[in-house]
Amino acid sequence: YDKSRFFQKIWTKKAGHDIMSRNKGGGYNQMAETKSYHEQLQIDQ
């Protein structure tokens, strides 16, 4: 339970940074939103 709560918090926080990139000051810059795997697969097919 403790381990699962720990990773849920980490990856939830990371999900918020999916469309961000680090700048030189250590902050984040907004990036173009990337397609999900399933969206990209649909496009490729």
All heavy atoms as atom14 arrays in JSON, in Angstrom:
{
  "sequence": "YDKSRFFQKIWTKKAGHDIMSRNKGGGYNQMAETKSYHEQLQIDQ",
  "atom14_mask": [
    [1, 1, 1, 1, 1, 1, 1, 1, 1, 1, 1, 1, 0, 0],
    [1, 1, 1, 1, 1, 1, 1, 1, 0, 0, 0, 0, 0, 0],
    [1, 1, 1, 1, 1, 1, 1, 1, 1, 0, 0, 0, 0, 0],
    [1, 1, 1, 1, 1, 1, 0, 0, 0, 0, 0, 0, 0, 0],
    [1, 1, 1, 1, 1, 1, 1, 1, 1, 1, 1, 0, 0, 0],
    [1, 1, 1, 1, 1, 1, 1, 1, 1, 1, 1, 0, 0, 0],
    [1, 1, 1, 1, 1, 1, 1, 1, 1, 1, 1, 0, 0, 0],
    [1, 1, 1, 1, 1, 1, 1, 1, 1, 0, 0, 0, 0, 0],
    [1, 1, 1, 1, 1, 1, 1, 1, 1, 0, 0, 0, 0, 0],
    [1, 1, 1, 1, 1, 1, 1, 1, 0, 0, 0, 0, 0, 0],
    [1, 1, 1, 1, 1, 1, 1, 1, 1, 1, 1, 1, 1, 1],
    [1, 1, 1, 1, 1, 1, 1, 0, 0, 0, 0, 0, 0, 0],
    [1, 1, 1, 1, 1, 1, 1, 1, 1, 0, 0, 0, 0, 0],
    [1, 1, 1, 1, 1, 1, 1, 1, 1, 0, 0, 0, 0, 0],
    [1, 1, 1, 1, 1, 0, 0, 0, 0, 0, 0, 0, 0, 0],
    [1, 1, 1, 1, 0, 0, 0, 0, 0, 0, 0, 0, 0, 0],
    [1, 1, 1, 1, 1, 1, 1, 1, 1, 1, 0, 0, 0, 0],
    [1, 1, 1, 1, 1, 1, 1, 1, 0, 0, 0, 0, 0, 0],
    [1, 1, 1, 1, 1, 1, 1, 1, 0, 0, 0, 0, 0, 0],
    [1, 1, 1, 1, 1, 1, 1, 1, 0, 0, 0, 0, 0, 0],
    [1, 1, 1, 1, 1, 1, 0, 0, 0, 0, 0, 0, 0, 0],
    [1, 1, 1, 1, 1, 1, 1, 1, 1, 1, 1, 0, 0, 0],
    [1, 1, 1, 1, 1, 1, 1, 1, 0, 0, 0, 0, 0, 0],
    [1, 1, 1, 1, 1, 1, 1, 1, 1, 0, 0, 0, 0, 0],
    [1, 1, 1, 1, 0, 0, 0, 0, 0, 0, 0, 0, 0, 0],
    [1, 1, 1, 1, 0, 0, 0, 0, 0, 0, 0, 0, 0, 0],
    [1, 1, 1, 1, 0, 0, 0, 0, 0, 0, 0, 0, 0, 0],
    [1, 1, 1, 1, 1, 1, 1, 1, 1, 1, 1, 1, 0, 0],
    [1, 1, 1, 1, 1, 1, 1, 1, 0, 0, 0, 0, 0, 0],
    [1, 1, 1, 1, 1, 1, 1, 1, 1, 0, 0, 0, 0, 0],
    [1, 1, 1, 1, 1, 1, 1, 1, 0, 0, 0, 0, 0, 0],
    [1, 1, 1, 1, 1, 0, 0, 0, 0, 0, 0, 0, 0, 0],
    [1, 1, 1, 1, 1, 1, 1, 1, 1, 0, 0, 0, 0, 0],
    [1, 1, 1, 1, 1, 1, 1, 0, 0, 0, 0, 0, 0, 0],
    [1, 1, 1, 1, 1, 1, 1, 1, 1, 0, 0, 0, 0, 0],
    [1, 1, 1, 1, 1, 1, 0, 0, 0, 0, 0, 0, 0, 0],
    [1, 1, 1, 1, 1, 1, 1, 1, 1, 1, 1, 1, 0, 0],
    [1, 1, 1, 1, 1, 1, 1, 1, 1, 1, 0, 0, 0, 0],
    [1, 1, 1, 1, 1, 1, 1, 1, 1, 0, 0, 0, 0, 0],
    [1, 1, 1, 1, 1, 1, 1, 1, 1, 0, 0, 0, 0, 0],
    [1, 1, 1, 1, 1, 1, 1, 1, 0, 0, 0, 0, 0, 0],
    [1, 1, 1, 1, 1, 1, 1, 1, 1, 0, 0, 0, 0, 0],
    [1, 1, 1, 1, 1, 1, 1, 1, 0, 0, 0, 0, 0, 0],
    [1, 1, 1, 1, 1, 1, 1, 1, 0, 0, 0, 0, 0, 0],
    [1, 1, 1, 1, 1, 1, 1, 1, 1, 0, 0, 0, 0, 0]
  ],
  "atom14_positions": [
    [[0.83, -1.21, 0.0], [0.0, 0.0, 0.0], [0.86, 1.26, 0.0], [0.64, 2.19, -0.79], [-0.92, -0.01, 1.22], [-1.78, 1.23, 1.35], [-2.85, 1.44, 0.48], [-1.51, 2.19, 2.32], [-3.64, 2.57, 0.59], [-2.29, 3.33, 2.43], [-3.35, 3.52, 1.56], [-4.12, 4.66, 1.66], [0.0, 0.0, 0.0], [0.0, 0.0, 0.0]],
    [[1.88, 1.28, 0.87], [2.76, 2.44, 0.96], [3.53, 2.66, -0.34], [3.68, 3.78, -0.82], [3.74, 2.28, 2.13], [3.05, 2.4, 3.48], [1.93, 2.95, 3.52], [3.63, 1.93, 4.48], [0.0, 0.0, 0.0], [0.0, 0.0, 0.0], [0.0, 0.0, 0.0], [0.0, 0.0, 0.0], [0.0, 0.0, 0.0], [0.0, 0.0, 0.0]],
    [[4.02, 1.56, -0.89], [4.8, 1.64, -2.13], [3.94, 2.12, -3.29], [4.35, 2.94, -4.11], [5.39, 0.26, -2.45], [6.59, 0.28, -3.38], [7.22, -1.1, -3.45], [8.47, -1.08, -4.3], [9.07, -2.42, -4.38], [0.0, 0.0, 0.0], [0.0, 0.0, 0.0], [0.0, 0.0, 0.0], [0.0, 0.0, 0.0], [0.0, 0.0, 0.0]],
    [[2.71, 1.61, -3.36], [1.82, 2.0, -4.46], [1.44, 3.47, -4.35], [1.37, 4.17, -5.36], [0.55, 1.12, -4.46], [-0.21, 1.32, -3.29], [0.0, 0.0, 0.0], [0.0, 0.0, 0.0], [0.0, 0.0, 0.0], [0.0, 0.0, 0.0], [0.0, 0.0, 0.0], [0.0, 0.0, 0.0], [0.0, 0.0, 0.0], [0.0, 0.0, 0.0]],
    [[1.2, 3.97, -3.12], [0.88, 5.39, -2.93], [2.05, 6.27, -3.35], [1.88, 7.32, -3.97], [0.54, 5.66, -1.46], [-0.82, 5.16, -1.04], [-1.18, 5.66, 0.33], [-1.39, 7.11, 0.34], [-1.49, 7.84, 1.45], [-1.39, 7.27, 2.63], [-1.69, 9.13, 1.37], [0.0, 0.0, 0.0], [0.0, 0.0, 0.0], [0.0, 0.0, 0.0]],
    [[3.27, 5.81, -3.04], [4.47, 6.57, -3.38], [4.59, 6.74, -4.89], [4.78, 7.85, -5.4], [5.7, 5.85, -2.82], [7.01, 6.43, -3.28], [7.45, 7.65, -2.8], [7.8, 5.74, -4.19], [8.66, 8.19, -3.23], [9.0, 6.27, -4.61], [9.44, 7.49, -4.13], [0.0, 0.0, 0.0], [0.0, 0.0, 0.0], [0.0, 0.0, 0.0]],
    [[4.46, 5.63, -5.63], [4.61, 5.7, -7.09], [3.44, 6.41, -7.76], [3.61, 7.07, -8.77], [4.8, 4.3, -7.68], [6.2, 3.8, -7.56], [6.51, 2.78, -6.68], [7.23, 4.37, -8.28], [7.81, 2.32, -6.54], [8.53, 3.92, -8.15], [8.82, 2.9, -7.28], [0.0, 0.0, 0.0], [0.0, 0.0, 0.0], [0.0, 0.0, 0.0]],
    [[2.24, 6.29, -7.16], [1.1, 6.99, -7.74], [1.33, 8.5, -7.69], [1.02, 9.23, -8.63], [-0.18, 6.63, -6.96], [-1.46, 6.95, -7.72], [-1.71, 5.97, -8.86], [-1.71, 4.77, -8.65], [-1.92, 6.48, -10.05], [0.0, 0.0, 0.0], [0.0, 0.0, 0.0], [0.0, 0.0, 0.0], [0.0, 0.0, 0.0], [0.0, 0.0, 0.0]],
    [[1.9, 8.98, -6.57], [2.18, 10.41, -6.43], [3.24, 10.86, -7.43], [3.13, 11.89, -8.08], [2.65, 10.72, -5.01], [1.54, 10.75, -3.98], [2.09, 11.11, -2.61], [0.97, 11.17, -1.57], [1.51, 11.5, -0.22], [0.0, 0.0, 0.0], [0.0, 0.0, 0.0], [0.0, 0.0, 0.0], [0.0, 0.0, 0.0], [0.0, 0.0, 0.0]],
    [[4.32, 10.06, -7.55], [5.42, 10.41, -8.46], [4.93, 10.53, -9.89], [5.17, 11.52, -10.59], [6.55, 9.36, -8.38], [7.32, 9.52, -7.08], [7.5, 9.51, -9.56], [8.43, 8.51, -6.9], [0.0, 0.0, 0.0], [0.0, 0.0, 0.0], [0.0, 0.0, 0.0], [0.0, 0.0, 0.0], [0.0, 0.0, 0.0], [0.0, 0.0, 0.0]],
    [[4.21, 9.5, -10.36], [3.81, 9.49, -11.77], [2.66, 10.43, -12.06], [2.53, 10.92, -13.18], [3.47, 8.06, -12.2], [4.7, 7.22, -12.27], [5.1, 6.26, -11.4], [5.74, 7.31, -13.23], [6.31, 5.74, -11.76], [6.72, 6.36, -12.9], [5.94, 8.1, -14.37], [7.87, 6.17, -13.64], [7.09, 7.91, -15.12], [8.04, 6.96, -14.74]],
    [[1.84, 10.73, -11.05], [0.8, 11.75, -11.25], [1.44, 13.1, -11.45], [1.04, 13.89, -12.3], [-0.16, 11.79, -10.04], [-0.77, 10.51, -9.89], [-1.25, 12.83, -10.25], [0.0, 0.0, 0.0], [0.0, 0.0, 0.0], [0.0, 0.0, 0.0], [0.0, 0.0, 0.0], [0.0, 0.0, 0.0], [0.0, 0.0, 0.0], [0.0, 0.0, 0.0]],
    [[2.49, 13.37, -10.66], [3.21, 14.63, -10.78], [3.92, 14.71, -12.13], [3.92, 15.73, -12.81], [4.24, 14.76, -9.65], [4.91, 16.13, -9.59], [5.89, 16.2, -8.43], [5.17, 16.24, -7.1], [6.09, 16.44, -5.96], [0.0, 0.0, 0.0], [0.0, 0.0, 0.0], [0.0, 0.0, 0.0], [0.0, 0.0, 0.0], [0.0, 0.0, 0.0]],
    [[4.51, 13.58, -12.56], [5.21, 13.56, -13.85], [4.23, 13.77, -15.01], [4.57, 14.37, -16.02], [5.94, 12.22, -14.03], [7.23, 12.13, -13.25], [8.01, 10.92, -13.69], [9.39, 10.93, -13.04], [10.24, 9.86, -13.56], [0.0, 0.0, 0.0], [0.0, 0.0, 0.0], [0.0, 0.0, 0.0], [0.0, 0.0, 0.0], [0.0, 0.0, 0.0]],
    [[3.03, 13.27, -14.85], [2.04, 13.4, -15.92], [1.76, 14.87, -16.2], [1.49, 15.26, -17.34], [0.74, 12.69, -15.53], [0.0, 0.0, 0.0], [0.0, 0.0, 0.0], [0.0, 0.0, 0.0], [0.0, 0.0, 0.0], [0.0, 0.0, 0.0], [0.0, 0.0, 0.0], [0.0, 0.0, 0.0], [0.0, 0.0, 0.0], [0.0, 0.0, 0.0]],
    [[1.85, 15.7, -15.17], [1.63, 17.13, -15.35], [2.74, 17.8, -16.11], [2.59, 18.92, -16.61], [0.0, 0.0, 0.0], [0.0, 0.0, 0.0], [0.0, 0.0, 0.0], [0.0, 0.0, 0.0], [0.0, 0.0, 0.0], [0.0, 0.0, 0.0], [0.0, 0.0, 0.0], [0.0, 0.0, 0.0], [0.0, 0.0, 0.0], [0.0, 0.0, 0.0]],
    [[3.89, 17.13, -16.19], [5.04, 17.69, -16.9], [5.25, 17.06, -18.27], [6.27, 17.27, -18.91], [6.32, 17.49, -16.06], [6.33, 18.32, -14.81], [7.08, 17.98, -13.71], [5.68, 19.47, -14.49], [6.9, 18.88, -12.75], [6.05, 19.79, -13.21], [0.0, 0.0, 0.0], [0.0, 0.0, 0.0], [0.0, 0.0, 0.0], [0.0, 0.0, 0.0]],
    [[4.28, 16.25, -18.7], [4.42, 15.56, -19.99], [4.64, 16.5, -21.15], [5.31, 16.16, -22.12], [3.17, 14.72, -20.29], [3.18, 13.42, -19.51], [4.25, 13.08, -18.97], [2.13, 12.76, -19.45], [0.0, 0.0, 0.0], [0.0, 0.0, 0.0], [0.0, 0.0, 0.0], [0.0, 0.0, 0.0], [0.0, 0.0, 0.0], [0.0, 0.0, 0.0]],
    [[4.02, 17.68, -21.07], [4.13, 18.6, -22.21], [5.02, 19.79, -21.85], [4.86, 20.89, -22.36], [2.73, 19.07, -22.66], [1.97, 19.73, -21.5], [1.93, 17.93, -23.23], [0.66, 20.36, -21.92], [0.0, 0.0, 0.0], [0.0, 0.0, 0.0], [0.0, 0.0, 0.0], [0.0, 0.0, 0.0], [0.0, 0.0, 0.0], [0.0, 0.0, 0.0]],
    [[5.98, 19.52, -20.93], [6.89, 20.58, -20.5], [8.33, 20.14, -20.77], [8.64, 18.97, -20.82], [6.73, 20.86, -19.0], [5.3, 21.08, -18.54], [4.59, 22.61, -19.11], [5.27, 23.73, -17.9], [0.0, 0.0, 0.0], [0.0, 0.0, 0.0], [0.0, 0.0, 0.0], [0.0, 0.0, 0.0], [0.0, 0.0, 0.0], [0.0, 0.0, 0.0]],
    [[9.22, 21.09, -20.91], [10.64, 20.79, -21.04], [11.42, 21.72, -20.13], [11.01, 22.86, -19.9], [11.12, 20.97, -22.49], [11.01, 22.32, -22.87], [0.0, 0.0, 0.0], [0.0, 0.0, 0.0], [0.0, 0.0, 0.0], [0.0, 0.0, 0.0], [0.0, 0.0, 0.0], [0.0, 0.0, 0.0], [0.0, 0.0, 0.0], [0.0, 0.0, 0.0]],
    [[12.54, 21.26, -19.61], [13.33, 22.08, -18.69], [14.05, 23.2, -19.44], [14.59, 22.99, -20.52], [14.36, 21.22, -17.95], [13.75, 20.39, -16.84], [14.84, 19.82, -15.93], [14.28, 19.05, -14.84], [13.83, 19.57, -13.71], [13.86, 20.88, -13.54], [13.34, 18.81, -12.76], [0.0, 0.0, 0.0], [0.0, 0.0, 0.0], [0.0, 0.0, 0.0]],
    [[14.09, 24.37, -18.8], [14.88, 25.45, -19.36], [16.2, 25.55, -18.58], [16.43, 24.78, -17.63], [14.11, 26.77, -19.34], [13.68, 27.18, -17.92], [14.39, 26.89, -16.95], [12.52, 27.81, -17.81], [0.0, 0.0, 0.0], [0.0, 0.0, 0.0], [0.0, 0.0, 0.0], [0.0, 0.0, 0.0], [0.0, 0.0, 0.0], [0.0, 0.0, 0.0]],
    [[17.06, 26.45, -18.96], [18.38, 26.54, -18.34], [18.29, 26.87, -16.85], [19.17, 26.52, -16.07], [19.22, 27.6, -19.05], [19.62, 27.18, -20.46], [20.48, 28.25, -21.13], [20.88, 27.8, -22.53], [21.68, 28.85, -23.2], [0.0, 0.0, 0.0], [0.0, 0.0, 0.0], [0.0, 0.0, 0.0], [0.0, 0.0, 0.0], [0.0, 0.0, 0.0]],
    [[17.25, 27.56, -16.43], [17.11, 27.92, -15.03], [16.52, 26.8, -14.18], [16.32, 26.98, -12.98], [0.0, 0.0, 0.0], [0.0, 0.0, 0.0], [0.0, 0.0, 0.0], [0.0, 0.0, 0.0], [0.0, 0.0, 0.0], [0.0, 0.0, 0.0], [0.0, 0.0, 0.0], [0.0, 0.0, 0.0], [0.0, 0.0, 0.0], [0.0, 0.0, 0.0]],
    [[16.27, 25.66, -14.8], [15.73, 24.53, -14.05], [14.22, 24.49, -14.04], [13.61, 23.57, -13.48], [0.0, 0.0, 0.0], [0.0, 0.0, 0.0], [0.0, 0.0, 0.0], [0.0, 0.0, 0.0], [0.0, 0.0, 0.0], [0.0, 0.0, 0.0], [0.0, 0.0, 0.0], [0.0, 0.0, 0.0], [0.0, 0.0, 0.0], [0.0, 0.0, 0.0]],
    [[13.57, 25.5, -14.65], [12.12, 25.52, -14.73], [11.64, 24.75, -15.94], [12.4, 24.01, -16.56], [0.0, 0.0, 0.0], [0.0, 0.0, 0.0], [0.0, 0.0, 0.0], [0.0, 0.0, 0.0], [0.0, 0.0, 0.0], [0.0, 0.0, 0.0], [0.0, 0.0, 0.0], [0.0, 0.0, 0.0], [0.0, 0.0, 0.0], [0.0, 0.0, 0.0]],
    [[10.38, 24.96, -16.27], [9.8, 24.23, -17.39], [9.25, 25.19, -18.45], [8.71, 26.24, -18.14], [8.65, 23.33, -16.92], [9.13, 22.09, -16.2], [9.32, 22.11, -14.82], [9.41, 20.93, -16.89], [9.75, 20.98, -14.15], [9.85, 19.79, -16.24], [10.02, 19.82, -14.87], [10.45, 18.7, -14.21], [0.0, 0.0, 0.0], [0.0, 0.0, 0.0]],
    [[9.43, 24.83, -19.69], [8.85, 25.55, -20.81], [7.7, 24.74, -21.39], [7.76, 23.5, -21.42], [9.89, 25.76, -21.93], [11.03, 26.65, -21.46], [10.82, 27.61, -20.73], [12.25, 26.28, -21.86], [0.0, 0.0, 0.0], [0.0, 0.0, 0.0], [0.0, 0.0, 0.0], [0.0, 0.0, 0.0], [0.0, 0.0, 0.0], [0.0, 0.0, 0.0]],
    [[6.66, 25.42, -21.84], [5.53, 24.72, -22.45], [5.94, 24.17, -23.81], [6.59, 24.86, -24.59], [4.35, 25.69, -22.63], [3.06, 25.03, -23.05], [2.38, 24.32, -21.89], [2.6, 24.67, -20.75], [1.6, 23.3, -22.22], [0.0, 0.0, 0.0], [0.0, 0.0, 0.0], [0.0, 0.0, 0.0], [0.0, 0.0, 0.0], [0.0, 0.0, 0.0]],
    [[5.59, 22.91, -24.07], [5.9, 22.28, -25.35], [4.59, 21.94, -26.07], [3.52, 21.92, -25.48], [6.66, 20.96, -25.13], [8.06, 21.14, -24.57], [8.78, 19.54, -24.17], [8.84, 18.78, -25.77], [0.0, 0.0, 0.0], [0.0, 0.0, 0.0], [0.0, 0.0, 0.0], [0.0, 0.0, 0.0], [0.0, 0.0, 0.0], [0.0, 0.0, 0.0]],
    [[4.72, 21.69, -27.34], [3.55, 21.25, -28.11], [3.09, 19.91, -27.56], [3.9, 19.04, -27.28], [3.91, 21.12, -29.58], [0.0, 0.0, 0.0], [0.0, 0.0, 0.0], [0.0, 0.0, 0.0], [0.0, 0.0, 0.0], [0.0, 0.0, 0.0], [0.0, 0.0, 0.0], [0.0, 0.0, 0.0], [0.0, 0.0, 0.0], [0.0, 0.0, 0.0]],
    [[1.79, 19.76, -27.37], [1.27, 18.52, -26.8], [1.52, 17.36, -27.75], [1.24, 17.44, -28.94], [-0.23, 18.67, -26.55], [-0.82, 17.5, -25.8], [-2.25, 17.74, -25.4], [-2.74, 18.87, -25.6], [-2.89, 16.79, -24.91], [0.0, 0.0, 0.0], [0.0, 0.0, 0.0], [0.0, 0.0, 0.0], [0.0, 0.0, 0.0], [0.0, 0.0, 0.0]],
    [[2.07, 16.27, -27.19], [2.38, 15.1, -28.01], [1.16, 14.2, -28.1], [0.31, 14.17, -27.2], [3.56, 14.31, -27.41], [3.24, 13.97, -26.05], [4.82, 15.14, -27.44], [0.0, 0.0, 0.0], [0.0, 0.0, 0.0], [0.0, 0.0, 0.0], [0.0, 0.0, 0.0], [0.0, 0.0, 0.0], [0.0, 0.0, 0.0], [0.0, 0.0, 0.0]],
    [[1.09, 13.44, -29.17], [0.0, 12.5, -29.37], [0.19, 11.31, -28.43], [1.31, 10.89, -28.16], [-0.03, 12.03, -30.82], [-0.33, 13.12, -31.83], [-1.82, 13.39, -31.92], [-2.19, 14.28, -33.08], [-1.61, 15.62, -33.0], [0.0, 0.0, 0.0], [0.0, 0.0, 0.0], [0.0, 0.0, 0.0], [0.0, 0.0, 0.0], [0.0, 0.0, 0.0]],
    [[-0.91, 10.75, -27.98], [-0.81, 9.53, -27.19], [-0.42, 8.38, -28.11], [-0.52, 8.48, -29.34], [-2.15, 9.21, -26.52], [-3.09, 8.76, -27.48], [0.0, 0.0, 0.0], [0.0, 0.0, 0.0], [0.0, 0.0, 0.0], [0.0, 0.0, 0.0], [0.0, 0.0, 0.0], [0.0, 0.0, 0.0], [0.0, 0.0, 0.0], [0.0, 0.0, 0.0]],
    [[-0.01, 7.27, -27.5], [0.4, 6.1, -28.28], [-0.73, 5.65, -29.21], [-0.51, 5.37, -30.4], [0.78, 4.96, -27.34], [0.92, 3.61, -28.02], [2.03, 3.32, -28.81], [-0.07, 2.64, -27.89], [2.16, 2.09, -29.43], [0.05, 1.41, -28.5], [1.17, 1.14, -29.27], [1.29, -0.08, -29.89], [0.0, 0.0, 0.0], [0.0, 0.0, 0.0]],
    [[-1.94, 5.61, -28.69], [-3.07, 5.11, -29.47], [-3.47, 6.09, -30.58], [-3.85, 5.67, -31.68], [-4.25, 4.83, -28.53], [-3.93, 3.8, -27.5], [-3.9, 2.46, -27.78], [-3.58, 3.92, -26.19], [-3.56, 1.79, -26.7], [-3.37, 2.65, -25.72], [0.0, 0.0, 0.0], [0.0, 0.0, 0.0], [0.0, 0.0, 0.0], [0.0, 0.0, 0.0]],
    [[-3.36, 7.38, -30.3], [-3.65, 8.38, -31.33], [-2.62, 8.29, -32.45], [-2.97, 8.34, -33.64], [-3.63, 9.78, -30.72], [-4.82, 10.08, -29.82], [-4.67, 11.4, -29.06], [-3.51, 11.85, -28.87], [-5.68, 11.96, -28.66], [0.0, 0.0, 0.0], [0.0, 0.0, 0.0], [0.0, 0.0, 0.0], [0.0, 0.0, 0.0], [0.0, 0.0, 0.0]],
    [[-1.35, 8.16, -32.08], [-0.29, 8.07, -33.08], [-0.4, 6.79, -33.89], [-0.17, 6.77, -35.1], [1.09, 8.16, -32.41], [2.25, 8.31, -33.38], [2.13, 9.55, -34.24], [1.94, 10.66, -33.72], [2.25, 9.4, -35.56], [0.0, 0.0, 0.0], [0.0, 0.0, 0.0], [0.0, 0.0, 0.0], [0.0, 0.0, 0.0], [0.0, 0.0, 0.0]],
    [[-0.77, 5.7, -33.2], [-0.94, 4.42, -33.89], [-2.05, 4.51, -34.93], [-1.91, 4.01, -36.05], [-1.27, 3.32, -32.86], [-1.4, 1.89, -33.41], [-0.08, 1.4, -33.99], [-1.88, 0.95, -32.3], [0.0, 0.0, 0.0], [0.0, 0.0, 0.0], [0.0, 0.0, 0.0], [0.0, 0.0, 0.0], [0.0, 0.0, 0.0], [0.0, 0.0, 0.0]],
    [[-3.14, 5.18, -34.56], [-4.26, 5.37, -35.48], [-3.83, 6.17, -36.71], [-4.19, 5.84, -37.85], [-5.41, 6.09, -34.75], [-6.68, 6.26, -35.56], [-7.52, 5.0, -35.61], [-7.2, 4.0, -34.97], [-8.61, 5.04, -36.36], [0.0, 0.0, 0.0], [0.0, 0.0, 0.0], [0.0, 0.0, 0.0], [0.0, 0.0, 0.0], [0.0, 0.0, 0.0]],
    [[-3.04, 7.21, -36.48], [-2.55, 8.05, -37.58], [-1.63, 7.23, -38.5], [-1.77, 7.26, -39.73], [-1.79, 9.28, -37.03], [-2.77, 10.25, -36.36], [-1.03, 9.99, -38.15], [-2.1, 11.36, -35.58], [0.0, 0.0, 0.0], [0.0, 0.0, 0.0], [0.0, 0.0, 0.0], [0.0, 0.0, 0.0], [0.0, 0.0, 0.0], [0.0, 0.0, 0.0]],
    [[-0.69, 6.5, -37.89], [0.26, 5.7, -38.67], [-0.46, 4.65, -39.51], [-0.12, 4.43, -40.68], [1.27, 5.02, -37.73], [2.2, 6.03, -37.06], [2.29, 7.17, -37.55], [2.82, 5.66, -36.04], [0.0, 0.0, 0.0], [0.0, 0.0, 0.0], [0.0, 0.0, 0.0], [0.0, 0.0, 0.0], [0.0, 0.0, 0.0], [0.0, 0.0, 0.0]],
    [[-1.44, 3.99, -38.91], [-2.16, 2.94, -39.63], [-3.02, 3.52, -40.75], [-3.16, 2.91, -41.82], [-3.02, 2.14, -38.65], [-2.22, 1.25, -37.72], [-3.08, 0.41, -36.8], [-4.23, 0.77, -36.5], [-2.55, -0.7, -36.34], [0.0, 0.0, 0.0], [0.0, 0.0, 0.0], [0.0, 0.0, 0.0], [0.0, 0.0, 0.0], [0.0, 0.0, 0.0]]
  ]
}
